[in-house]
Amino acid sequence: MDEPRLFKAILAEAVEASEISVDKIIGATGVPERFIMALIEGNYQFLPAAPYTKGYIKKIAGVLGVKPAGVKSKSLVGTADYLSP
């Protein structure tokens, strides 16, 4: 079984590989660029309250075609935001 991957890594990888641009993610999700960049860069202190962050992660995951699992709160984004394909 494959090791779960951090959402941050999947998002950054997709953007860097030009599979999807930040602008495309913004257009498809309505998530503000500053929050997408905070997720990519691991600057979690700039994210909004946990319910918003969790919703943003679910929207972004949908655009990337992955299923979010274990996202419980903003404080866990760096450690518990694993996704499975």
Protein backbone atom coordinates (compact mmCIF):
# COMPACT_ATOMS: atom_id res chain seq x y z
CA MET A 1 0.00 0.00 0.00
CA ASP A 2 1.31 3.46 -0.85
CA GLU A 3 2.28 5.86 1.92
CA PRO A 4 -0.25 8.72 2.34
CA ARG A 5 1.01 12.05 1.02
CA LEU A 6 0.61 15.49 2.53
CA PHE A 7 -1.90 17.74 0.82
CA LYS A 8 0.74 20.47 0.68
CA ALA A 9 3.05 18.18 -1.31
CA ILE A 10 0.33 17.13 -3.75
CA LEU A 11 -0.78 20.72 -4.33
CA ALA A 12 2.74 22.05 -4.81
CA GLU A 13 3.62 19.15 -7.11
CA ALA A 14 0.56 19.71 -9.31
CA VAL A 15 1.24 23.43 -9.62
CA GLU A 16 4.97 22.98 -10.29
CA ALA A 17 4.34 20.28 -12.88
CA SER A 18 1.92 22.66 -14.61
CA GLU A 19 -0.81 20.06 -14.43
CA ILE A 20 -2.97 22.85 -13.07
CA SER A 21 -2.19 26.48 -12.41
CA VAL A 22 -2.99 28.44 -9.28
CA ASP A 23 -5.26 30.63 -11.44
CA LYS A 24 -7.17 27.56 -12.58
CA ILE A 25 -7.57 26.39 -8.98
CA ILE A 26 -8.84 29.84 -8.01
CA GLY A 27 -11.33 29.86 -10.89
CA ALA A 28 -12.62 26.38 -10.13
CA THR A 29 -12.86 26.76 -6.35
CA GLY A 30 -13.22 30.43 -5.51
CA VAL A 31 -10.48 30.00 -2.90
CA PRO A 32 -8.47 33.23 -2.61
CA GLU A 33 -4.93 33.08 -3.99
CA ARG A 34 -3.38 34.03 -0.64
CA PHE A 35 -4.83 30.89 0.98
CA ILE A 36 -3.76 28.61 -1.87
CA MET A 37 -0.25 30.03 -1.67
CA ALA A 38 -0.25 29.62 2.13
CA LEU A 39 -1.07 25.93 1.65
CA ILE A 40 1.59 25.45 -1.03
CA GLU A 41 4.26 27.23 1.00
CA GLY A 42 3.29 25.75 4.36
CA ASN A 43 2.48 29.16 5.86
CA TYR A 44 -0.44 27.85 7.87
CA GLN A 45 -0.55 30.86 10.19
CA PHE A 46 -2.05 32.82 7.28
CA LEU A 47 -5.00 30.46 6.81
CA PRO A 48 -8.50 31.36 8.00
CA ALA A 49 -10.41 29.59 10.76
CA ALA A 50 -10.40 25.79 10.68
CA PRO A 51 -13.87 25.30 9.14
CA TYR A 52 -12.93 27.53 6.19
CA THR A 53 -9.55 25.88 5.76
CA LYS A 54 -11.13 22.43 5.77
CA GLY A 55 -13.66 23.54 3.14
CA TYR A 56 -10.92 25.06 0.99
CA ILE A 57 -8.88 21.89 1.18
CA LYS A 58 -11.90 19.81 0.11
CA LYS A 59 -12.58 22.13 -2.85
CA ILE A 60 -8.94 22.11 -3.96
CA ALA A 61 -8.71 18.34 -3.55
CA GLY A 62 -11.75 17.96 -5.81
CA VAL A 63 -10.07 20.01 -8.54
CA LEU A 64 -6.92 17.91 -8.21
CA GLY A 65 -8.94 14.69 -8.30
CA VAL A 66 -7.89 13.41 -4.88
CA LYS A 67 -9.89 12.54 -1.78
CA PRO A 68 -9.14 14.45 1.42
CA ALA A 69 -8.81 12.31 4.53
CA GLY A 70 -7.98 13.23 8.09
CA VAL A 71 -8.30 16.99 7.78
CA LYS A 72 -9.49 17.93 11.25
CA SER A 73 -8.42 21.49 11.96
CA LYS A 74 -6.17 24.31 10.88
CA SER A 75 -3.61 23.30 13.50
CA LEU A 76 -3.35 19.85 11.90
CA VAL A 77 -3.03 21.00 8.30
CA GLY A 78 0.71 20.38 8.29
CA THR A 79 0.54 16.97 9.85
CA ALA A 80 -2.87 15.41 9.24
CA ASP A 81 -3.90 16.60 5.81
CA TYR A 82 -3.24 13.33 4.05
CA LEU A 83 -4.94 12.50 0.80
CA SER A 84 -5.53 9.23 -0.89
CA PRO A 85 -5.86 8.90 -4.68
